[in-house]
Amino acid sequence: MKNPIDNKFASVQVEYDSEKLEAVIFYLRDKKTTIERELTDALDAVYKKNVPAQVREYIERKNAPPASEVQSDL
């Protein structure tokens, strides 16, 4: 039985003008995307810009499945 990777997620809460938020959500529907997806992409860009590459690599390795699990999926 496969063990899924234990991804840990945190929530971010911000205050934003409600009319602007409604407008952006409305127009994002036309683009077939969501505010959550757009904010996640923006946060990923901030992460890549500000977190040193060595730290990002460490986090990626720490969250990668064990080598034996990867080989058994082939």
PDB file of N, CA and C in Angstrom:
ATOM      1  N   MET A   1       0.843  -1.173   0.000  1.00  0.00           N
ATOM      2  CA  MET A   1       0.000   0.000   0.000  1.00  0.00           C
ATOM      3  C   MET A   1       0.889   1.238   0.000  1.00  0.00           C
ATOM      4  N   LYS A   2       0.577   2.182  -0.895  1.00  0.00           N
ATOM      5  CA  LYS A   2       1.383   3.389  -0.993  1.00  0.00           C
ATOM      6  C   LYS A   2       1.052   4.355   0.132  1.00  0.00           C
ATOM      7  N   ASN A   3       2.089   4.988   0.655  1.00  0.00           N
ATOM      8  CA  ASN A   3       1.894   6.054   1.633  1.00  0.00           C
ATOM      9  C   ASN A   3       1.963   7.387   0.905  1.00  0.00           C
ATOM     10  N   PRO A   4       0.894   8.169   0.933  1.00  0.00           N
ATOM     11  CA  PRO A   4       0.976   9.474   0.278  1.00  0.00           C
ATOM     12  C   PRO A   4       1.952  10.375   1.021  1.00  0.00           C
ATOM     13  N   ILE A   5       2.542  11.279   0.287  1.00  0.00           N
ATOM     14  CA  ILE A   5       3.448  12.240   0.905  1.00  0.00           C
ATOM     15  C   ILE A   5       2.627  13.124   1.829  1.00  0.00           C
ATOM     16  N   ASP A   6       3.154  13.348   3.019  1.00  0.00           N
ATOM     17  CA  ASP A   6       2.444  14.155   4.005  1.00  0.00           C
ATOM     18  C   ASP A   6       2.712  15.633   3.739  1.00  0.00           C
ATOM     19  N   ASN A   7       1.981  16.208   2.781  1.00  0.00           N
ATOM     20  CA  ASN A   7       2.121  17.635   2.509  1.00  0.00           C
ATOM     21  C   ASN A   7       1.409  18.426   3.583  1.00  0.00           C
ATOM     22  N   LYS A   8       2.086  19.426   4.065  1.00  0.00           N
ATOM     23  CA  LYS A   8       1.504  20.287   5.080  1.00  0.00           C
ATOM     24  C   LYS A   8       1.130  21.600   4.411  1.00  0.00           C
ATOM     25  N   PHE A   9      -0.080  22.043   4.619  1.00  0.00           N
ATOM     26  CA  PHE A   9      -0.542  23.284   4.026  1.00  0.00           C
ATOM     27  C   PHE A   9      -0.918  24.259   5.119  1.00  0.00           C
ATOM     28  N   ALA A  10      -0.676  25.514   4.865  1.00  0.00           N
ATOM     29  CA  ALA A  10      -1.056  26.586   5.780  1.00  0.00           C
ATOM     30  C   ALA A  10      -2.001  27.523   5.040  1.00  0.00           C
ATOM     31  N   SER A  11      -2.860  28.161   5.775  1.00  0.00           N
ATOM     32  CA  SER A  11      -3.781  29.134   5.194  1.00  0.00           C
ATOM     33  C   SER A  11      -3.232  30.534   5.399  1.00  0.00           C
ATOM     34  N   VAL A  12      -3.503  31.387   4.419  1.00  0.00           N
ATOM     35  CA  VAL A  12      -3.122  32.787   4.502  1.00  0.00           C
ATOM     36  C   VAL A  12      -4.404  33.598   4.385  1.00  0.00           C
ATOM     37  N   GLN A  13      -4.584  34.524   5.288  1.00  0.00           N
ATOM     38  CA  GLN A  13      -5.791  35.347   5.264  1.00  0.00           C
ATOM     39  C   GLN A  13      -5.378  36.809   5.130  1.00  0.00           C
ATOM     40  N   VAL A  14      -5.981  37.509   4.157  1.00  0.00           N
ATOM     41  CA  VAL A  14      -5.687  38.927   3.962  1.00  0.00           C
ATOM     42  C   VAL A  14      -6.989  39.702   3.843  1.00  0.00           C
ATOM     43  N   GLU A  15      -6.924  40.969   4.196  1.00  0.00           N
ATOM     44  CA  GLU A  15      -8.075  41.842   4.001  1.00  0.00           C
ATOM     45  C   GLU A  15      -7.900  42.559   2.675  1.00  0.00           C
ATOM     46  N   TYR A  16      -8.996  42.663   1.904  1.00  0.00           N
ATOM     47  CA  TYR A  16      -8.947  43.298   0.591  1.00  0.00           C
ATOM     48  C   TYR A  16     -10.305  43.911   0.313  1.00  0.00           C
ATOM     49  N   ASP A  17     -10.327  44.993  -0.420  1.00  0.00           N
ATOM     50  CA  ASP A  17     -11.570  45.675  -0.756  1.00  0.00           C
ATOM     51  C   ASP A  17     -12.556  44.693  -1.394  1.00  0.00           C
ATOM     52  N   SER A  18     -13.755  44.592  -0.837  1.00  0.00           N
ATOM     53  CA  SER A  18     -14.717  43.578  -1.280  1.00  0.00           C
ATOM     54  C   SER A  18     -15.180  43.794  -2.717  1.00  0.00           C
ATOM     55  N   GLU A  19     -15.344  45.038  -3.152  1.00  0.00           N
ATOM     56  CA  GLU A  19     -15.762  45.282  -4.540  1.00  0.00           C
ATOM     57  C   GLU A  19     -14.674  44.865  -5.516  1.00  0.00           C
ATOM     58  N   LYS A  20     -13.434  45.165  -5.180  1.00  0.00           N
ATOM     59  CA  LYS A  20     -12.326  44.759  -6.041  1.00  0.00           C
ATOM     60  C   LYS A  20     -12.230  43.240  -6.101  1.00  0.00           C
ATOM     61  N   LEU A  21     -12.425  42.586  -4.967  1.00  0.00           N
ATOM     62  CA  LEU A  21     -12.369  41.127  -4.925  1.00  0.00           C
ATOM     63  C   LEU A  21     -13.467  40.514  -5.786  1.00  0.00           C
ATOM     64  N   GLU A  22     -14.683  41.033  -5.669  1.00  0.00           N
ATOM     65  CA  GLU A  22     -15.786  40.534  -6.498  1.00  0.00           C
ATOM     66  C   GLU A  22     -15.475  40.715  -7.975  1.00  0.00           C
ATOM     67  N   ALA A  23     -14.901  41.863  -8.337  1.00  0.00           N
ATOM     68  CA  ALA A  23     -14.574  42.128  -9.740  1.00  0.00           C
ATOM     69  C   ALA A  23     -13.514  41.161 -10.259  1.00  0.00           C
ATOM     70  N   VAL A  24     -12.464  40.955  -9.485  1.00  0.00           N
ATOM     71  CA  VAL A  24     -11.405  40.061  -9.954  1.00  0.00           C
ATOM     72  C   VAL A  24     -11.914  38.627 -10.064  1.00  0.00           C
ATOM     73  N   ILE A  25     -12.727  38.191  -9.128  1.00  0.00           N
ATOM     74  CA  ILE A  25     -13.305  36.843  -9.200  1.00  0.00           C
ATOM     75  C   ILE A  25     -14.175  36.715 -10.443  1.00  0.00           C
ATOM     76  N   PHE A  26     -14.969  37.736 -10.726  1.00  0.00           N
ATOM     77  CA  PHE A  26     -15.848  37.737 -11.903  1.00  0.00           C
ATOM     78  C   PHE A  26     -15.028  37.569 -13.185  1.00  0.00           C
ATOM     79  N   TYR A  27     -13.972  38.365 -13.335  1.00  0.00           N
ATOM     80  CA  TYR A  27     -13.187  38.312 -14.567  1.00  0.00           C
ATOM     81  C   TYR A  27     -12.272  37.094 -14.644  1.00  0.00           C
ATOM     82  N   LEU A  28     -11.900  36.545 -13.522  1.00  0.00           N
ATOM     83  CA  LEU A  28     -11.108  35.314 -13.554  1.00  0.00           C
ATOM     84  C   LEU A  28     -11.929  34.145 -14.078  1.00  0.00           C
ATOM     85  N   ARG A  29     -13.243  34.170 -13.838  1.00  0.00           N
ATOM     86  CA  ARG A  29     -14.112  33.107 -14.377  1.00  0.00           C
ATOM     87  C   ARG A  29     -14.019  33.060 -15.895  1.00  0.00           C
ATOM     88  N   ASP A  30     -13.952  34.248 -16.533  1.00  0.00           N
ATOM     89  CA  ASP A  30     -13.823  34.299 -17.994  1.00  0.00           C
ATOM     90  C   ASP A  30     -12.542  33.621 -18.465  1.00  0.00           C
ATOM     91  N   LYS A  31     -11.527  33.665 -17.631  1.00  0.00           N
ATOM     92  CA  LYS A  31     -10.242  33.048 -17.966  1.00  0.00           C
ATOM     93  C   LYS A  31     -10.153  31.610 -17.478  1.00  0.00           C
ATOM     94  N   LYS A  32     -11.265  31.110 -16.953  1.00  0.00           N
ATOM     95  CA  LYS A  32     -11.351  29.728 -16.455  1.00  0.00           C
ATOM     96  C   LYS A  32     -10.304  29.446 -15.371  1.00  0.00           C
ATOM     97  N   THR A  33     -10.157  30.379 -14.460  1.00  0.00           N
ATOM     98  CA  THR A  33      -9.252  30.197 -13.332  1.00  0.00           C
ATOM     99  C   THR A  33      -9.927  30.729 -12.073  1.00  0.00           C
ATOM    100  N   THR A  34      -9.255  30.587 -10.955  1.00  0.00           N
ATOM    101  CA  THR A  34      -9.831  31.005  -9.675  1.00  0.00           C
ATOM    102  C   THR A  34      -8.872  31.942  -8.953  1.00  0.00           C
ATOM    103  N   ILE A  35      -9.418  32.662  -7.995  1.00  0.00           N
ATOM    104  CA  ILE A  35      -8.586  33.544  -7.178  1.00  0.00           C
ATOM    105  C   ILE A  35      -7.570  32.720  -6.388  1.00  0.00           C
ATOM    106  N   GLU A  36      -7.963  31.548  -5.937  1.00  0.00           N
ATOM    107  CA  GLU A  36      -7.040  30.687  -5.193  1.00  0.00           C
ATOM    108  C   GLU A  36      -5.852  30.271  -6.061  1.00  0.00           C
ATOM    109  N   ARG A  37      -6.126  29.897  -7.299  1.00  0.00           N
ATOM    110  CA  ARG A  37      -5.047  29.480  -8.201  1.00  0.00           C
ATOM    111  C   ARG A  37      -4.108  30.653  -8.489  1.00  0.00           C
ATOM    112  N   GLU A  38      -4.678  31.821  -8.741  1.00  0.00           N
ATOM    113  CA  GLU A  38      -3.867  33.004  -9.023  1.00  0.00           C
ATOM    114  C   GLU A  38      -3.015  33.400  -7.817  1.00  0.00           C
ATOM    115  N   LEU A  39      -3.602  33.360  -6.631  1.00  0.00           N
ATOM    116  CA  LEU A  39      -2.850  33.711  -5.425  1.00  0.00           C
ATOM    117  C   LEU A  39      -1.763  32.686  -5.125  1.00  0.00           C
ATOM    118  N   THR A  40      -2.049  31.416  -5.376  1.00  0.00           N
ATOM    119  CA  THR A  40      -1.040  30.375  -5.188  1.00  0.00           C
ATOM    120  C   THR A  40       0.132  30.606  -6.137  1.00  0.00           C
ATOM    121  N   ASP A  41      -0.172  30.923  -7.395  1.00  0.00           N
ATOM    122  CA  ASP A  41       0.892  31.213  -8.364  1.00  0.00           C
ATOM    123  C   ASP A  41       1.717  32.425  -7.929  1.00  0.00           C
ATOM    124  N   ALA A  42       1.033  33.463  -7.434  1.00  0.00           N
ATOM    125  CA  ALA A  42       1.739  34.662  -6.978  1.00  0.00           C
ATOM    126  C   ALA A  42       2.619  34.348  -5.768  1.00  0.00           C
ATOM    127  N   LEU A  43       2.108  33.560  -4.847  1.00  0.00           N
ATOM    128  CA  LEU A  43       2.886  33.191  -3.663  1.00  0.00           C
ATOM    129  C   LEU A  43       4.082  32.320  -4.043  1.00  0.00           C
ATOM    130  N   ASP A  44       3.898  31.435  -5.024  1.00  0.00           N
ATOM    131  CA  ASP A  44       5.020  30.630  -5.519  1.00  0.00           C
ATOM    132  C   ASP A  44       6.109  31.525  -6.111  1.00  0.00           C
ATOM    133  N   ALA A  45       5.705  32.572  -6.834  1.00  0.00           N
ATOM    134  CA  ALA A  45       6.678  33.499  -7.417  1.00  0.00           C
ATOM    135  C   ALA A  45       7.443  34.243  -6.325  1.00  0.00           C
ATOM    136  N   VAL A  46       6.756  34.667  -5.275  1.00  0.00           N
ATOM    137  CA  VAL A  46       7.408  35.345  -4.148  1.00  0.00           C
ATOM    138  C   VAL A  46       8.383  34.386  -3.463  1.00  0.00           C
ATOM    139  N   TYR A  47       7.968  33.135  -3.297  1.00  0.00           N
ATOM    140  CA  TYR A  47       8.812  32.103  -2.685  1.00  0.00           C
ATOM    141  C   TYR A  47      10.092  31.918  -3.503  1.00  0.00           C
ATOM    142  N   LYS A  48       9.939  31.747  -4.818  1.00  0.00           N
ATOM    143  CA  LYS A  48      11.103  31.514  -5.676  1.00  0.00           C
ATOM    144  C   LYS A  48      12.027  32.727  -5.714  1.00  0.00           C
ATOM    145  N   LYS A  49      11.450  33.911  -5.639  1.00  0.00           N
ATOM    146  CA  LYS A  49      12.245  35.139  -5.691  1.00  0.00           C
ATOM    147  C   LYS A  49      13.039  35.359  -4.405  1.00  0.00           C
ATOM    148  N   ASN A  50      12.479  34.989  -3.280  1.00  0.00           N
ATOM    149  CA  ASN A  50      13.062  35.362  -1.997  1.00  0.00           C
ATOM    150  C   ASN A  50      13.760  34.248  -1.228  1.00  0.00           C
ATOM    151  N   VAL A  51      13.388  33.001  -1.457  1.00  0.00           N
ATOM    152  CA  VAL A  51      14.001  31.892  -0.722  1.00  0.00           C
ATOM    153  C   VAL A  51      15.208  31.394  -1.525  1.00  0.00           C
ATOM    154  N   PRO A  52      16.369  31.323  -0.904  1.00  0.00           N
ATOM    155  CA  PRO A  52      17.565  30.864  -1.616  1.00  0.00           C
ATOM    156  C   PRO A  52      17.361  29.469  -2.232  1.00  0.00           C
ATOM    157  N   ALA A  53      17.992  29.265  -3.377  1.00  0.00           N
ATOM    158  CA  ALA A  53      17.850  28.005  -4.112  1.00  0.00           C
ATOM    159  C   ALA A  53      18.208  26.795  -3.258  1.00  0.00           C
ATOM    160  N   GLN A  54      19.238  26.906  -2.429  1.00  0.00           N
ATOM    161  CA  GLN A  54      19.645  25.773  -1.595  1.00  0.00           C
ATOM    162  C   GLN A  54      18.546  25.393  -0.604  1.00  0.00           C
ATOM    163  N   VAL A  55      17.856  26.369  -0.083  1.00  0.00           N
ATOM    164  CA  VAL A  55      16.765  26.093   0.859  1.00  0.00           C
ATOM    165  C   VAL A  55      15.601  25.452   0.113  1.00  0.00           C
ATOM    166  N   ARG A  56      15.281  25.959  -1.082  1.00  0.00           N
ATOM    167  CA  ARG A  56      14.193  25.366  -1.880  1.00  0.00           C
ATOM    168  C   ARG A  56      14.515  23.915  -2.223  1.00  0.00           C
ATOM    169  N   GLU A  57      15.768  23.640  -2.592  1.00  0.00           N
ATOM    170  CA  GLU A  57      16.178  22.267  -2.908  1.00  0.00           C
ATOM    171  C   GLU A  57      16.041  21.364  -1.687  1.00  0.00           C
ATOM    172  N   TYR A  58      16.435  21.860  -0.529  1.00  0.00           N
ATOM    173  CA  TYR A  58      16.312  21.078   0.708  1.00  0.00           C
ATOM    174  C   TYR A  58      14.848  20.721   0.962  1.00  0.00           C
ATOM    175  N   ILE A  59      13.972  21.693   0.830  1.00  0.00           N
ATOM    176  CA  ILE A  59      12.545  21.460   1.069  1.00  0.00           C
ATOM    177  C   ILE A  59      11.992  20.455   0.061  1.00  0.00           C
ATOM    178  N   GLU A  60      12.394  20.573  -1.210  1.00  0.00           N
ATOM    179  CA  GLU A  60      11.934  19.626  -2.231  1.00  0.00           C
ATOM    180  C   GLU A  60      12.398  18.211  -1.917  1.00  0.00           C
ATOM    181  N   ARG A  61      13.653  18.062  -1.524  1.00  0.00           N
ATOM    182  CA  ARG A  61      14.177  16.726  -1.191  1.00  0.00           C
ATOM    183  C   ARG A  61      13.490  16.148   0.035  1.00  0.00           C
ATOM    184  N   LYS A  62      13.256  17.009   1.014  1.00  0.00           N
ATOM    185  CA  LYS A  62      12.608  16.567   2.250  1.00  0.00           C
ATOM    186  C   LYS A  62      11.191  16.061   1.971  1.00  0.00           C
ATOM    187  N   ASN A  63      10.520  16.655   1.001  1.00  0.00           N
ATOM    188  CA  ASN A  63       9.138  16.293   0.696  1.00  0.00           C
ATOM    189  C   ASN A  63       9.007  15.262  -0.421  1.00  0.00           C
ATOM    190  N   ALA A  64      10.122  14.829  -0.998  1.00  0.00           N
ATOM    191  CA  ALA A  64      10.082  13.843  -2.076  1.00  0.00           C
ATOM    192  C   ALA A  64       9.797  12.454  -1.506  1.00  0.00           C
ATOM    193  N   PRO A  65       9.130  11.596  -2.303  1.00  0.00           N
ATOM    194  CA  PRO A  65       8.901  10.223  -1.833  1.00  0.00           C
ATOM    195  C   PRO A  65      10.227   9.468  -1.767  1.00  0.00           C
ATOM    196  N   PRO A  66      10.318   8.466  -0.906  1.00  0.00           N
ATOM    197  CA  PRO A  66      11.540   7.658  -0.829  1.00  0.00           C
ATOM    198  C   PRO A  66      11.847   7.018  -2.181  1.00  0.00           C
ATOM    199  N   ALA A  67      13.127   6.801  -2.472  1.00  0.00           N
ATOM    200  CA  ALA A  67      13.548   6.250  -3.762  1.00  0.00           C
ATOM    201  C   ALA A  67      12.888   4.908  -4.049  1.00  0.00           C
ATOM    202  N   SER A  68      12.736   4.042  -3.051  1.00  0.00           N
ATOM    203  CA  SER A  68      12.127   2.726  -3.265  1.00  0.00           C
ATOM    204  C   SER A  68      10.667   2.866  -3.681  1.00  0.00           C
ATOM    205  N   GLU A  69       9.980   3.865  -3.173  1.00  0.00           N
ATOM    206  CA  GLU A  69       8.580   4.080  -3.527  1.00  0.00           C
ATOM    207  C   GLU A  69       8.459   4.576  -4.963  1.00  0.00           C
ATOM    208  N   VAL A  70       9.385   5.415  -5.402  1.00  0.00           N
ATOM    209  CA  VAL A  70       9.366   5.932  -6.765  1.00  0.00           C
ATOM    210  C   VAL A  70       9.595   4.795  -7.746  1.00  0.00           C
ATOM    211  N   GLN A  71      10.561   3.903  -7.478  1.00  0.00           N
ATOM    212  CA  GLN A  71      10.872   2.802  -8.374  1.00  0.00           C
ATOM    213  C   GLN A  71       9.725   1.806  -8.461  1.00  0.00           C
ATOM    214  N   SER A  72       9.001   1.583  -7.387  1.00  0.00           N
ATOM    215  CA  SER A  72       7.926   0.599  -7.403  1.00  0.00           C
ATOM    216  C   SER A  72       6.723   1.075  -8.199  1.00  0.00           C
ATOM    217  N   ASP A  73       6.624   2.385  -8.454  1.00  0.00           N
ATOM    218  CA  ASP A  73       5.515   2.913  -9.232  1.00  0.00           C
ATOM    219  C   ASP A  73       5.716   2.713 -10.725  1.00  0.00           C
ATOM    220  N   LEU A  74       6.930   2.371 -11.158  1.00  0.00           N
ATOM    221  CA  LEU A  74       7.220   2.240 -12.588  1.00  0.00           C
ATOM    222  C   LEU A  74       6.686   1.005 -13.155  1.00  0.00           C
TER     223      LEU A  74
END
